[in-house]
């Protein structure tokens, strides 16, 4: 299997082309507005592109989708049923859900429902060895759960620990933003996963949460301070007023020290 990635320079979102061999059968995964190298390669090598698969509905993963599908003759666009509801204009033409398997050419692609970052989020396991984790899990960090479409930290933790981390150690991870990793690398070094494993004890730090220029901010405890894929930080925090926990961008966190 050949997997090629293109990264959008501003949003750092990835789109992928997976093929079973040069001149064989392939699928496109997500659309980020800079898919020309993937489309050009498929056309140049004579690849039969049979489907476009979507990991979730967020705009940085579907930008340019309509044009991409039309370029390949209006091929089927498959996504979670909730993605089909959330995207306009009938862009999604068919649905896939947890444990569904798409076989095309010599590719076997299993859908794994991984909510948390959003309700319709899917990871896609290709031929057992490669997993596209989209915005659930990145190299060195995890997806956020403070956005308006998130279903919460409990869902994200279960998606990562009970579904993604249960895969073999040598499974290659291909995230929705930036560089690849492996299951074992994230199991051993990802600070959020290490915290959930009970390996690293938090030293709760009082912080306030809100936009940098906000006059009113919520008090919270900082439990995990980790990297983000864009060079910034992500934080796992617990709000003081109701005890709920979430993962938010580091720019939302005001630390006193």
Protein backbone atom coordinates (compact mmCIF):
# COMPACT_ATOMS: atom_id res chain seq x y z
CA UNK A 1 0.00 0.00 0.00
CA UNK A 2 1.22 3.50 -0.89
CA UNK A 3 0.06 6.44 1.23
CA UNK A 4 0.80 10.02 0.19
CA UNK A 5 0.05 13.07 2.34
CA UNK A 6 -0.39 16.75 1.49
CA UNK A 7 -0.45 19.39 4.22
CA UNK A 8 -2.16 22.76 3.95
CA UNK A 9 0.41 25.37 4.95
CA UNK A 10 -1.85 27.65 7.01
CA UNK A 11 -4.20 25.18 8.74
CA UNK A 12 -1.65 22.30 8.76
CA UNK A 13 -4.50 19.92 7.89
CA UNK A 14 -3.70 16.76 5.94
CA UNK A 15 -5.35 15.04 3.00
CA UNK A 16 -4.28 11.61 1.80
CA UNK A 17 -4.19 9.33 -1.23
CA UNK A 18 -4.05 5.59 -0.47
CA UNK A 19 -3.41 3.18 -3.36
CA UNK A 20 -2.86 -0.56 -3.45
CA UNK A 21 -0.03 -0.12 -5.95
CA UNK A 22 1.12 2.09 -8.81
CA UNK A 23 -1.57 2.14 -11.47
CA UNK A 24 -3.93 0.21 -9.22
CA UNK A 25 -6.93 1.17 -7.10
CA UNK A 26 -7.06 3.97 -4.57
CA UNK A 27 -9.10 6.27 -2.35
CA UNK A 28 -8.76 9.89 -1.33
CA UNK A 29 -9.18 10.77 2.34
CA UNK A 30 -10.34 14.25 3.36
CA UNK A 31 -9.97 17.44 1.32
CA UNK A 32 -7.94 20.43 2.47
CA UNK A 33 -7.90 22.66 -0.60
CA UNK A 34 -4.40 21.63 -1.72
CA UNK A 35 -5.14 18.14 -3.06
CA UNK A 36 -3.71 18.86 -6.53
CA UNK A 37 -0.55 16.75 -5.95
CA UNK A 38 -2.68 13.77 -4.93
CA UNK A 39 -5.07 14.11 -7.85
CA UNK A 40 -2.23 14.69 -10.32
CA UNK A 41 -0.38 11.61 -9.11
CA UNK A 42 -3.47 9.43 -9.34
CA UNK A 43 -4.13 10.63 -12.89
CA UNK A 44 -0.50 10.36 -13.99
CA UNK A 45 -0.12 6.80 -12.68
CA UNK A 46 -3.49 5.64 -13.99
CA UNK A 47 -4.93 4.96 -10.54
CA UNK A 48 -8.61 4.09 -10.39
CA UNK A 49 -9.87 6.30 -7.57
CA UNK A 50 -13.07 4.69 -6.33
CA UNK A 51 -14.08 6.74 -3.28
CA UNK A 52 -13.44 9.82 -1.19
CA UNK A 53 -13.60 9.11 2.55
CA UNK A 54 -14.13 11.78 5.18
CA UNK A 55 -12.97 11.60 8.78
CA UNK A 56 -15.32 14.35 10.05
CA UNK A 57 -17.15 17.49 8.99
CA UNK A 58 -14.82 20.28 10.16
CA UNK A 59 -14.14 22.75 7.36
CA UNK A 60 -10.36 22.30 7.24
CA UNK A 61 -10.91 18.64 6.31
CA UNK A 62 -13.59 19.14 3.66
CA UNK A 63 -12.48 22.33 1.89
CA UNK A 64 -12.63 21.82 -1.89
CA UNK A 65 -14.49 18.52 -1.54
CA UNK A 66 -17.09 19.17 -4.22
CA UNK A 67 -14.48 20.03 -6.84
CA UNK A 68 -12.35 17.03 -5.89
CA UNK A 69 -15.25 14.62 -6.27
CA UNK A 70 -16.22 16.13 -9.61
CA UNK A 71 -12.67 15.82 -10.88
CA UNK A 72 -12.93 12.05 -10.54
CA UNK A 73 -16.33 11.79 -12.17
CA UNK A 74 -18.52 12.27 -9.12
CA UNK A 75 -17.18 9.24 -7.23
CA UNK A 76 -18.92 8.25 -3.98
CA UNK A 77 -18.12 10.35 -0.90
CA UNK A 78 -18.47 8.26 2.25
CA UNK A 79 -18.58 9.53 5.83
CA UNK A 80 -20.23 8.97 9.20
CA UNK A 81 -24.04 9.42 9.11
CA UNK A 82 -23.76 12.57 11.25
CA UNK A 83 -21.29 14.05 8.76
CA UNK A 84 -23.89 13.59 6.04
CA UNK A 85 -26.36 15.54 8.19
CA UNK A 86 -23.93 18.35 8.96
CA UNK A 87 -22.57 19.02 5.47
CA UNK A 88 -24.71 20.92 2.98
CA UNK A 89 -25.54 20.26 -0.68
CA UNK A 90 -25.57 16.49 -0.48
CA UNK A 91 -21.78 16.32 -0.51
CA UNK A 92 -21.83 12.96 1.28
CA UNK A 93 -23.36 10.31 -0.98
CA UNK A 94 -23.05 7.29 1.32
CA UNK A 95 -22.30 6.47 4.94
CA UNK A 96 -19.92 4.31 6.94
CA UNK A 97 -20.00 3.70 10.67
CA UNK A 98 -18.11 1.86 13.39
CA UNK A 99 -16.71 -1.53 12.26
CA UNK A 100 -17.86 -1.07 8.67
CA UNK A 101 -15.26 -2.29 6.17
CA UNK A 102 -14.79 -0.96 2.65
CA UNK A 103 -12.88 -3.25 0.28
CA UNK A 104 -11.69 -1.71 -2.97
CA UNK A 105 -8.92 -3.27 -5.01
CA UNK A 106 -6.45 -4.67 -2.50
CA UNK A 107 -7.34 -2.06 0.11
CA UNK A 108 -9.33 -3.02 3.19
CA UNK A 109 -10.46 0.06 5.10
CA UNK A 110 -12.16 -0.27 8.49
CA UNK A 111 -14.09 2.63 10.02
CA UNK A 112 -13.57 3.18 13.76
CA UNK A 113 -15.91 5.66 15.46
CA UNK A 114 -13.79 7.96 17.62
CA UNK A 115 -16.00 10.74 19.04
CA UNK A 116 -14.78 13.40 21.43
CA UNK A 117 -13.40 16.10 19.16
CA UNK A 118 -16.78 15.92 17.42
CA UNK A 119 -19.68 13.46 17.29
CA UNK A 120 -19.11 12.26 13.71
CA UNK A 121 -15.38 11.59 14.01
CA UNK A 122 -13.96 8.46 12.35
CA UNK A 123 -10.51 6.92 12.33
CA UNK A 124 -9.74 4.79 9.27
CA UNK A 125 -7.63 1.64 9.51
CA UNK A 126 -6.11 0.59 6.18
CA UNK A 127 -4.87 -2.98 5.65
CA UNK A 128 -4.30 -3.38 9.41
CA UNK A 129 -0.93 -1.59 9.40
CA UNK A 130 -1.92 2.08 9.02
CA UNK A 131 -4.44 4.19 10.93
CA UNK A 132 -5.63 7.64 9.95
CA UNK A 133 -6.52 9.21 13.29
CA UNK A 134 -7.68 12.60 11.97
CA UNK A 135 -8.21 15.00 14.92
CA UNK A 136 -8.43 12.43 17.71
CA UNK A 137 -4.72 11.75 18.10
CA UNK A 138 -1.64 13.54 16.80
CA UNK A 139 2.08 13.04 17.16
CA UNK A 140 2.74 14.01 20.78
CA UNK A 141 -0.69 15.38 21.55
CA UNK A 142 -4.45 14.82 21.27
CA UNK A 143 -7.53 16.55 19.87
CA UNK A 144 -9.30 19.34 21.68
CA UNK A 145 -12.70 18.99 23.34
CA UNK A 146 -13.48 22.66 24.00
CA UNK A 147 -14.84 23.40 20.52
CA UNK A 148 -18.62 23.83 20.06
CA UNK A 149 -19.09 20.48 18.27
CA UNK A 150 -17.08 18.40 20.76
CA UNK A 151 -18.80 15.59 22.68
CA UNK A 152 -16.45 15.80 25.63
CA UNK A 153 -13.26 14.59 27.21
CA UNK A 154 -14.79 11.28 28.32
CA UNK A 155 -15.54 10.37 24.72
CA UNK A 156 -12.11 11.43 23.49
CA UNK A 157 -10.33 9.45 26.21
CA UNK A 158 -12.39 6.33 25.43
CA UNK A 159 -11.76 6.73 21.70
CA UNK A 160 -8.01 6.96 22.23
CA UNK A 161 -7.46 4.51 25.09
CA UNK A 162 -10.11 1.88 24.33
CA UNK A 163 -10.04 1.90 20.53
CA UNK A 164 -6.88 3.45 19.09
CA UNK A 165 -4.40 2.30 21.75
CA UNK A 166 -5.76 -1.25 21.56
CA UNK A 167 -4.22 -1.66 18.10
CA UNK A 168 -0.81 -3.34 17.63
CA UNK A 169 2.22 -1.35 18.75
CA UNK A 170 3.71 -1.08 15.27
CA UNK A 171 0.56 0.40 13.71
CA UNK A 172 1.51 3.59 11.90
CA UNK A 173 -0.55 6.65 12.86
CA UNK A 174 -1.36 9.27 10.23
CA UNK A 175 -3.07 12.25 11.89
CA UNK A 176 -5.27 14.99 10.51
CA UNK A 177 -2.53 17.57 11.10
CA UNK A 178 1.24 17.36 10.68
CA UNK A 179 3.54 14.36 10.99
CA UNK A 180 2.96 10.61 11.44
CA UNK A 181 3.75 8.50 14.49
CA UNK A 182 3.14 4.97 15.80
CA UNK A 183 0.96 3.44 18.49
CA UNK A 184 3.96 2.52 20.66
CA UNK A 185 5.51 5.98 20.35
CA UNK A 186 2.32 7.65 21.56
CA UNK A 187 1.75 5.00 24.25
CA UNK A 188 5.16 5.69 25.72
CA UNK A 189 5.67 9.44 25.23
CA UNK A 190 2.37 11.26 24.64
CA UNK A 191 1.83 13.27 27.88
CA UNK A 192 -1.97 12.94 27.80
CA UNK A 193 -1.84 9.18 27.31
CA UNK A 194 0.79 8.85 30.04
CA UNK A 195 -1.51 10.78 32.38
CA UNK A 196 -4.47 8.53 31.54
CA UNK A 197 -2.25 5.48 32.14
CA UNK A 198 -1.44 6.77 35.62
CA UNK A 199 2.28 7.09 34.87
CA UNK A 200 2.59 10.83 35.39
CA UNK A 201 0.93 12.35 38.44
CA UNK A 202 -0.38 15.89 38.00
CA UNK A 203 0.70 18.75 40.19
CA UNK A 204 -2.52 20.81 39.91
CA UNK A 205 -1.75 24.42 39.08
CA UNK A 206 -4.33 27.21 39.49
CA UNK A 207 -5.07 28.90 36.14
CA UNK A 208 -7.80 30.91 34.48
CA UNK A 209 -9.40 29.99 31.16
CA UNK A 210 -10.69 32.22 28.38
CA UNK A 211 -9.61 34.18 25.31
CA UNK A 212 -6.43 36.20 25.91
CA UNK A 213 -8.34 39.52 25.92
CA UNK A 214 -11.32 38.30 27.97
CA UNK A 215 -12.35 40.42 30.95
CA UNK A 216 -14.08 37.49 32.66
CA UNK A 217 -12.28 34.17 32.89
CA UNK A 218 -13.11 30.82 34.54
CA UNK A 219 -10.94 29.48 37.32
CA UNK A 220 -9.51 26.02 36.77
CA UNK A 221 -6.73 23.61 37.64
CA UNK A 222 -4.13 22.72 35.02
CA UNK A 223 -3.52 18.95 35.07
CA UNK A 224 -1.51 18.30 31.89
CA UNK A 225 0.48 20.83 29.86
CA UNK A 226 1.57 19.31 26.58
CA UNK A 227 2.64 20.29 23.07
CA UNK A 228 0.29 20.95 20.18
CA UNK A 229 0.89 20.05 16.56
CA UNK A 230 1.24 23.72 15.54
CA UNK A 231 4.15 24.44 17.89
CA UNK A 232 1.94 25.80 20.66
CA UNK A 233 0.47 23.94 23.62
CA UNK A 234 -2.59 22.01 24.68
CA UNK A 235 -3.88 21.74 28.22
CA UNK A 236 -6.04 19.29 30.12
CA UNK A 237 -7.82 21.39 32.73
CA UNK A 238 -10.47 20.91 35.42
CA UNK A 239 -12.89 23.78 35.98
CA UNK A 240 -13.20 24.91 39.57
CA UNK A 241 -16.93 25.71 39.47
CA UNK A 242 -18.31 22.36 38.26
CA UNK A 243 -15.37 19.93 38.19
CA UNK A 244 -15.66 19.18 34.49
CA UNK A 245 -12.49 18.47 32.54
CA UNK A 246 -11.64 19.40 28.98
CA UNK A 247 -8.71 19.77 26.61
CA UNK A 248 -8.20 23.28 25.32
CA UNK A 249 -5.60 25.24 23.42
CA UNK A 250 -2.75 26.69 25.41
CA UNK A 251 -3.66 30.21 24.28
CA UNK A 252 -6.82 29.94 26.41
CA UNK A 253 -4.81 29.25 29.58
CA UNK A 254 -3.40 32.02 31.76
CA UNK A 255 -0.74 30.69 34.07
CA UNK A 256 0.44 32.64 37.06
CA UNK A 257 3.92 31.22 37.03
